PDB file of N, CA and C in Angstrom:
ATOM      1  N   MET A   1     -26.322 -20.302   8.145  1.00  0.00           N
ATOM      2  CA  MET A   1     -25.269 -19.737   8.953  1.00  0.00           C
ATOM      3  C   MET A   1     -23.897 -20.043   8.369  1.00  0.00           C
ATOM      4  N   GLU A   2     -23.754 -21.175   7.721  1.00  0.00           N
ATOM      5  CA  GLU A   2     -22.445 -21.523   7.207  1.00  0.00           C
ATOM      6  C   GLU A   2     -22.056 -20.657   6.007  1.00  0.00           C
ATOM      7  N   ASN A   3     -23.014 -20.025   5.349  1.00  0.00           N
ATOM      8  CA  ASN A   3     -22.695 -19.136   4.239  1.00  0.00           C
ATOM      9  C   ASN A   3     -22.048 -17.844   4.711  1.00  0.00           C
ATOM     10  N   TYR A   4     -22.324 -17.428   5.942  1.00  0.00           N
ATOM     11  CA  TYR A   4     -21.773 -16.182   6.450  1.00  0.00           C
ATOM     12  C   TYR A   4     -20.335 -16.320   6.923  1.00  0.00           C
ATOM     13  N   PHE A   5     -19.959 -17.457   7.455  1.00  0.00           N
ATOM     14  CA  PHE A   5     -18.636 -17.658   8.020  1.00  0.00           C
ATOM     15  C   PHE A   5     -17.924 -18.818   7.316  1.00  0.00           C
ATOM     16  N   ASN A   6     -17.672 -18.656   6.053  1.00  0.00           N
ATOM     17  CA  ASN A   6     -16.951 -19.672   5.312  1.00  0.00           C
ATOM     18  C   ASN A   6     -15.455 -19.414   5.475  1.00  0.00           C
ATOM     19  N   ILE A   7     -14.742 -20.367   6.052  1.00  0.00           N
ATOM     20  CA  ILE A   7     -13.326 -20.197   6.365  1.00  0.00           C
ATOM     21  C   ILE A   7     -12.495 -19.984   5.106  1.00  0.00           C
ATOM     22  N   LYS A   8     -12.925 -20.535   4.000  1.00  0.00           N
ATOM     23  CA  LYS A   8     -12.196 -20.371   2.741  1.00  0.00           C
ATOM     24  C   LYS A   8     -12.145 -18.905   2.325  1.00  0.00           C
ATOM     25  N   TYR A   9     -13.256 -18.201   2.458  1.00  0.00           N
ATOM     26  CA  TYR A   9     -13.306 -16.794   2.068  1.00  0.00           C
ATOM     27  C   TYR A   9     -12.534 -15.914   3.044  1.00  0.00           C
ATOM     28  N   ILE A  10     -12.597 -16.245   4.310  1.00  0.00           N
ATOM     29  CA  ILE A  10     -11.851 -15.477   5.313  1.00  0.00           C
ATOM     30  C   ILE A  10     -10.354 -15.650   5.105  1.00  0.00           C
ATOM     31  N   LEU A  11      -9.915 -16.878   4.873  1.00  0.00           N
ATOM     32  CA  LEU A  11      -8.508 -17.144   4.636  1.00  0.00           C
ATOM     33  C   LEU A  11      -8.027 -16.467   3.357  1.00  0.00           C
ATOM     34  N   ALA A  12      -8.834 -16.497   2.318  1.00  0.00           N
ATOM     35  CA  ALA A  12      -8.469 -15.823   1.064  1.00  0.00           C
ATOM     36  C   ALA A  12      -8.338 -14.315   1.273  1.00  0.00           C
ATOM     37  N   SER A  13      -9.219 -13.731   2.059  1.00  0.00           N
ATOM     38  CA  SER A  13      -9.145 -12.294   2.339  1.00  0.00           C
ATOM     39  C   SER A  13      -7.869 -11.939   3.090  1.00  0.00           C
ATOM     40  N   VAL A  14      -7.502 -12.755   4.060  1.00  0.00           N
ATOM     41  CA  VAL A  14      -6.289 -12.495   4.829  1.00  0.00           C
ATOM     42  C   VAL A  14      -5.049 -12.638   3.952  1.00  0.00           C
ATOM     43  N   VAL A  15      -5.003 -13.673   3.141  1.00  0.00           N
ATOM     44  CA  VAL A  15      -3.849 -13.883   2.260  1.00  0.00           C
ATOM     45  C   VAL A  15      -3.729 -12.742   1.257  1.00  0.00           C
ATOM     46  N   TYR A  16      -4.831 -12.359   0.629  1.00  0.00           N
ATOM     47  CA  TYR A  16      -4.794 -11.256  -0.327  1.00  0.00           C
ATOM     48  C   TYR A  16      -4.438  -9.940   0.350  1.00  0.00           C
ATOM     49  N   SER A  17      -4.845  -9.752   1.586  1.00  0.00           N
ATOM     50  CA  SER A  17      -4.475  -8.536   2.313  1.00  0.00           C
ATOM     51  C   SER A  17      -2.968  -8.466   2.523  1.00  0.00           C
ATOM     52  N   PHE A  18      -2.372  -9.580   2.940  1.00  0.00           N
ATOM     53  CA  PHE A  18      -0.926  -9.591   3.137  1.00  0.00           C
ATOM     54  C   PHE A  18      -0.174  -9.418   1.825  1.00  0.00           C
ATOM     55  N   ILE A  19      -0.670 -10.014   0.761  1.00  0.00           N
ATOM     56  CA  ILE A  19      -0.049  -9.832  -0.550  1.00  0.00           C
ATOM     57  C   ILE A  19      -0.137  -8.371  -0.974  1.00  0.00           C
ATOM     58  N   GLY A  20      -1.287  -7.757  -0.768  1.00  0.00           N
ATOM     59  CA  GLY A  20      -1.465  -6.354  -1.121  1.00  0.00           C
ATOM     60  C   GLY A  20      -0.552  -5.438  -0.331  1.00  0.00           C
ATOM     61  N   ILE A  21      -0.401  -5.699   0.971  1.00  0.00           N
ATOM     62  CA  ILE A  21       0.488  -4.894   1.803  1.00  0.00           C
ATOM     63  C   ILE A  21       1.937  -5.065   1.355  1.00  0.00           C
ATOM     64  N   ALA A  22       2.323  -6.280   1.016  1.00  0.00           N
ATOM     65  CA  ALA A  22       3.687  -6.529   0.544  1.00  0.00           C
ATOM     66  C   ALA A  22       3.954  -5.798  -0.773  1.00  0.00           C
ATOM     67  N   ILE A  23       3.005  -5.835  -1.688  1.00  0.00           N
ATOM     68  CA  ILE A  23       3.173  -5.135  -2.958  1.00  0.00           C
ATOM     69  C   ILE A  23       3.264  -3.630  -2.724  1.00  0.00           C
ATOM     70  N   LEU A  24       2.450  -3.103  -1.820  1.00  0.00           N
ATOM     71  CA  LEU A  24       2.498  -1.678  -1.498  1.00  0.00           C
ATOM     72  C   LEU A  24       3.855  -1.288  -0.920  1.00  0.00           C
ATOM     73  N   MET A  25       4.394  -2.103  -0.035  1.00  0.00           N
ATOM     74  CA  MET A  25       5.693  -1.803   0.560  1.00  0.00           C
ATOM     75  C   MET A  25       6.812  -1.866  -0.468  1.00  0.00           C
ATOM     76  N   VAL A  26       6.766  -2.850  -1.345  1.00  0.00           N
ATOM     77  CA  VAL A  26       7.786  -2.972  -2.389  1.00  0.00           C
ATOM     78  C   VAL A  26       7.713  -1.790  -3.348  1.00  0.00           C
ATOM     79  N   SER A  27       6.516  -1.403  -3.738  1.00  0.00           N
ATOM     80  CA  SER A  27       6.386  -0.276  -4.662  1.00  0.00           C
ATOM     81  C   SER A  27       6.841   1.028  -4.007  1.00  0.00           C
ATOM     82  N   PHE A  28       6.578   1.227  -2.715  1.00  0.00           N
ATOM     83  CA  PHE A  28       7.079   2.420  -2.034  1.00  0.00           C
ATOM     84  C   PHE A  28       8.593   2.384  -1.938  1.00  0.00           C
ATOM     85  N   TRP A  29       9.169   1.223  -1.708  1.00  0.00           N
ATOM     86  CA  TRP A  29      10.621   1.094  -1.652  1.00  0.00           C
ATOM     87  C   TRP A  29      11.242   1.462  -2.998  1.00  0.00           C
ATOM     88  N   VAL A  30      10.611   1.033  -4.096  1.00  0.00           N
ATOM     89  CA  VAL A  30      11.110   1.371  -5.436  1.00  0.00           C
ATOM     90  C   VAL A  30      11.066   2.881  -5.653  1.00  0.00           C
ATOM     91  N   ILE A  31       9.963   3.518  -5.279  1.00  0.00           N
ATOM     92  CA  ILE A  31       9.860   4.968  -5.408  1.00  0.00           C
ATOM     93  C   ILE A  31      10.911   5.655  -4.536  1.00  0.00           C
ATOM     94  N   GLU A  32      11.151   5.126  -3.361  1.00  0.00           N
ATOM     95  CA  GLU A  32      12.175   5.684  -2.459  1.00  0.00           C
ATOM     96  C   GLU A  32      13.549   5.631  -3.114  1.00  0.00           C
ATOM     97  N   LYS A  33      13.835   4.546  -3.823  1.00  0.00           N
ATOM     98  CA  LYS A  33      15.153   4.381  -4.443  1.00  0.00           C
ATOM     99  C   LYS A  33      15.335   5.239  -5.694  1.00  0.00           C
ATOM    100  N   ILE A  34      14.270   5.510  -6.440  1.00  0.00           N
ATOM    101  CA  ILE A  34      14.449   6.267  -7.685  1.00  0.00           C
ATOM    102  C   ILE A  34      14.353   7.782  -7.491  1.00  0.00           C
ATOM    103  N   THR A  35      13.919   8.222  -6.318  1.00  0.00           N
ATOM    104  CA  THR A  35      13.883   9.659  -6.059  1.00  0.00           C
ATOM    105  C   THR A  35      15.249  10.125  -5.580  1.00  0.00           C
ATOM    106  N   PRO A  36      15.607  11.376  -5.875  1.00  0.00           N
ATOM    107  CA  PRO A  36      16.961  11.842  -5.513  1.00  0.00           C
ATOM    108  C   PRO A  36      17.161  12.054  -4.007  1.00  0.00           C
ATOM    109  N   GLU A  37      16.128  12.356  -3.280  1.00  0.00           N
ATOM    110  CA  GLU A  37      16.252  12.598  -1.838  1.00  0.00           C
ATOM    111  C   GLU A  37      15.638  11.443  -1.060  1.00  0.00           C
ATOM    112  N   ASN A  38      15.999  11.335   0.205  1.00  0.00           N
ATOM    113  CA  ASN A  38      15.401  10.349   1.096  1.00  0.00           C
ATOM    114  C   ASN A  38      14.029  10.877   1.521  1.00  0.00           C
ATOM    115  N   LEU A  39      12.963  10.166   1.133  1.00  0.00           N
ATOM    116  CA  LEU A  39      11.612  10.655   1.399  1.00  0.00           C
ATOM    117  C   LEU A  39      11.315  10.772   2.885  1.00  0.00           C
ATOM    118  N   TRP A  40      11.694   9.761   3.679  1.00  0.00           N
ATOM    119  CA  TRP A  40      11.392   9.799   5.111  1.00  0.00           C
ATOM    120  C   TRP A  40      12.121  10.941   5.798  1.00  0.00           C
ATOM    121  N   LYS A  41      13.378  11.183   5.394  1.00  0.00           N
ATOM    122  CA  LYS A  41      14.130  12.285   5.989  1.00  0.00           C
ATOM    123  C   LYS A  41      13.471  13.616   5.639  1.00  0.00           C
ATOM    124  N   GLU A  42      13.086  13.775   4.397  1.00  0.00           N
ATOM    125  CA  GLU A  42      12.448  15.015   3.977  1.00  0.00           C
ATOM    126  C   GLU A  42      11.120  15.240   4.689  1.00  0.00           C
ATOM    127  N   ILE A  43      10.341  14.184   4.858  1.00  0.00           N
ATOM    128  CA  ILE A  43       9.023  14.320   5.479  1.00  0.00           C
ATOM    129  C   ILE A  43       9.143  14.536   6.987  1.00  0.00           C
ATOM    130  N   LEU A  44       9.965  13.725   7.661  1.00  0.00           N
ATOM    131  CA  LEU A  44      10.017  13.778   9.122  1.00  0.00           C
ATOM    132  C   LEU A  44      10.942  14.861   9.659  1.00  0.00           C
ATOM    133  N   VAL A  45      12.118  15.016   9.077  1.00  0.00           N
ATOM    134  CA  VAL A  45      13.085  15.969   9.616  1.00  0.00           C
ATOM    135  C   VAL A  45      12.822  17.374   9.086  1.00  0.00           C
ATOM    136  N   ASN A  46      12.651  17.478   7.764  1.00  0.00           N
ATOM    137  CA  ASN A  46      12.490  18.797   7.146  1.00  0.00           C
ATOM    138  C   ASN A  46      11.044  19.265   7.079  1.00  0.00           C
ATOM    139  N   LYS A  47      10.107  18.416   7.508  1.00  0.00           N
ATOM    140  CA  LYS A  47       8.672  18.762   7.544  1.00  0.00           C
ATOM    141  C   LYS A  47       8.151  19.216   6.175  1.00  0.00           C
ATOM    142  N   ASN A  48       8.471  18.450   5.143  1.00  0.00           N
ATOM    143  CA  ASN A  48       8.047  18.778   3.786  1.00  0.00           C
ATOM    144  C   ASN A  48       6.619  18.257   3.580  1.00  0.00           C
ATOM    145  N   ASN A  49       5.640  19.140   3.722  1.00  0.00           N
ATOM    146  CA  ASN A  49       4.234  18.751   3.613  1.00  0.00           C
ATOM    147  C   ASN A  49       3.861  18.332   2.194  1.00  0.00           C
ATOM    148  N   ALA A  50       4.413  19.005   1.209  1.00  0.00           N
ATOM    149  CA  ALA A  50       4.093  18.666  -0.183  1.00  0.00           C
ATOM    150  C   ALA A  50       4.545  17.239  -0.506  1.00  0.00           C
ATOM    151  N   LEU A  51       5.704  16.875  -0.049  1.00  0.00           N
ATOM    152  CA  LEU A  51       6.207  15.522  -0.278  1.00  0.00           C
ATOM    153  C   LEU A  51       5.388  14.492   0.482  1.00  0.00           C
ATOM    154  N   ALA A  52       4.920  14.846   1.672  1.00  0.00           N
ATOM    155  CA  ALA A  52       4.065  13.938   2.437  1.00  0.00           C
ATOM    156  C   ALA A  52       2.736  13.711   1.720  1.00  0.00           C
ATOM    157  N   ILE A  53       2.173  14.760   1.155  1.00  0.00           N
ATOM    158  CA  ILE A  53       0.922  14.622   0.393  1.00  0.00           C
ATOM    159  C   ILE A  53       1.149  13.785  -0.862  1.00  0.00           C
ATOM    160  N   MET A  54       2.286  13.974  -1.518  1.00  0.00           N
ATOM    161  CA  MET A  54       2.608  13.170  -2.700  1.00  0.00           C
ATOM    162  C   MET A  54       2.758  11.696  -2.341  1.00  0.00           C
ATOM    163  N   ALA A  55       3.432  11.411  -1.234  1.00  0.00           N
ATOM    164  CA  ALA A  55       3.601  10.021  -0.802  1.00  0.00           C
ATOM    165  C   ALA A  55       2.260   9.397  -0.428  1.00  0.00           C
ATOM    166  N   ALA A  56       1.395  10.166   0.224  1.00  0.00           N
ATOM    167  CA  ALA A  56       0.066   9.659   0.586  1.00  0.00           C
ATOM    168  C   ALA A  56      -0.763   9.381  -0.662  1.00  0.00           C
ATOM    169  N   GLY A  57      -0.693  10.273  -1.632  1.00  0.00           N
ATOM    170  CA  GLY A  57      -1.412  10.054  -2.892  1.00  0.00           C
ATOM    171  C   GLY A  57      -0.900   8.835  -3.637  1.00  0.00           C
ATOM    172  N   PHE A  58       0.408   8.645  -3.629  1.00  0.00           N
ATOM    173  CA  PHE A  58       0.991   7.466  -4.260  1.00  0.00           C
ATOM    174  C   PHE A  58       0.504   6.192  -3.584  1.00  0.00           C
ATOM    175  N   MET A  59       0.503   6.180  -2.250  1.00  0.00           N
ATOM    176  CA  MET A  59       0.053   4.987  -1.530  1.00  0.00           C
ATOM    177  C   MET A  59      -1.427   4.711  -1.775  1.00  0.00           C
ATOM    178  N   LEU A  60      -2.240   5.749  -1.815  1.00  0.00           N
ATOM    179  CA  LEU A  60      -3.665   5.559  -2.103  1.00  0.00           C
ATOM    180  C   LEU A  60      -3.874   5.015  -3.515  1.00  0.00           C
ATOM    181  N   ALA A  61      -3.130   5.545  -4.462  1.00  0.00           N
ATOM    182  CA  ALA A  61      -3.267   5.081  -5.845  1.00  0.00           C
ATOM    183  C   ALA A  61      -2.874   3.613  -5.982  1.00  0.00           C
ATOM    184  N   ILE A  62      -1.753   3.232  -5.396  1.00  0.00           N
ATOM    185  CA  ILE A  62      -1.320   1.832  -5.457  1.00  0.00           C
ATOM    186  C   ILE A  62      -2.316   0.940  -4.721  1.00  0.00           C
ATOM    187  N   ALA A  63      -2.847   1.409  -3.588  1.00  0.00           N
ATOM    188  CA  ALA A  63      -3.826   0.615  -2.835  1.00  0.00           C
ATOM    189  C   ALA A  63      -5.099   0.396  -3.647  1.00  0.00           C
ATOM    190  N   ILE A  64      -5.553   1.411  -4.371  1.00  0.00           N
ATOM    191  CA  ILE A  64      -6.744   1.259  -5.210  1.00  0.00           C
ATOM    192  C   ILE A  64      -6.479   0.273  -6.337  1.00  0.00           C
ATOM    193  N   ILE A  65      -5.294   0.347  -6.937  1.00  0.00           N
ATOM    194  CA  ILE A  65      -4.946  -0.592  -8.016  1.00  0.00           C
ATOM    195  C   ILE A  65      -4.883  -2.018  -7.492  1.00  0.00           C
ATOM    196  N   ILE A  66      -4.275  -2.220  -6.332  1.00  0.00           N
ATOM    197  CA  ILE A  66      -4.171  -3.561  -5.747  1.00  0.00           C
ATOM    198  C   ILE A  66      -5.550  -4.082  -5.378  1.00  0.00           C
ATOM    199  N   ALA A  67      -6.384  -3.232  -4.782  1.00  0.00           N
ATOM    200  CA  ALA A  67      -7.739  -3.661  -4.386  1.00  0.00           C
ATOM    201  C   ALA A  67      -8.568  -4.051  -5.587  1.00  0.00           C
ATOM    202  N   SER A  68      -8.483  -3.268  -6.668  1.00  0.00           N
ATOM    203  CA  SER A  68      -9.262  -3.626  -7.852  1.00  0.00           C
ATOM    204  C   SER A  68      -8.729  -4.873  -8.533  1.00  0.00           C
ATOM    205  N   ALA A  69      -7.426  -5.095  -8.469  1.00  0.00           N
ATOM    206  CA  ALA A  69      -6.868  -6.324  -9.042  1.00  0.00           C
ATOM    207  C   ALA A  69      -7.274  -7.552  -8.244  1.00  0.00           C
ATOM    208  N   ILE A  70      -7.328  -7.421  -6.931  1.00  0.00           N
ATOM    209  CA  ILE A  70      -7.721  -8.555  -6.084  1.00  0.00           C
ATOM    210  C   ILE A  70      -9.217  -8.812  -6.202  1.00  0.00           C
ATOM    211  N   HIS A  71      -9.992  -7.737  -6.218  1.00  0.00           N
ATOM    212  CA  HIS A  71     -11.444  -7.871  -6.240  1.00  0.00           C
ATOM    213  C   HIS A  71     -11.932  -8.401  -7.590  1.00  0.00           C
ATOM    214  N   GLY A  72     -11.263  -8.025  -8.641  1.00  0.00           N
ATOM    215  CA  GLY A  72     -11.612  -8.557  -9.956  1.00  0.00           C
ATOM    216  C   GLY A  72     -12.403  -7.680 -10.768  1.00  0.00           C
TER     217      GLY A  72
END
C-alpha cells in the first residue's frame, strides 16, 4: 500500500505542475509582448477566431514540451 501513496512522488508532481504552469504563463506573456496587437483584446472584443486557435495551439505546444521535459 505504501508504494501507491508515496508522498515524495505526489509532492514532486505538484511542484512540477506549478513550475510547468508558471513557464506556460511566462511564455504566453512573451508572445503577447512580441506580437503587434493585444491578443486578449483581439480574441475577446473583436472575436478573432483564427487568433484564438493560434493561441490555443501555442499553449498546447508549450504544454507538450514542458510535459516531456518534466517526464524525461
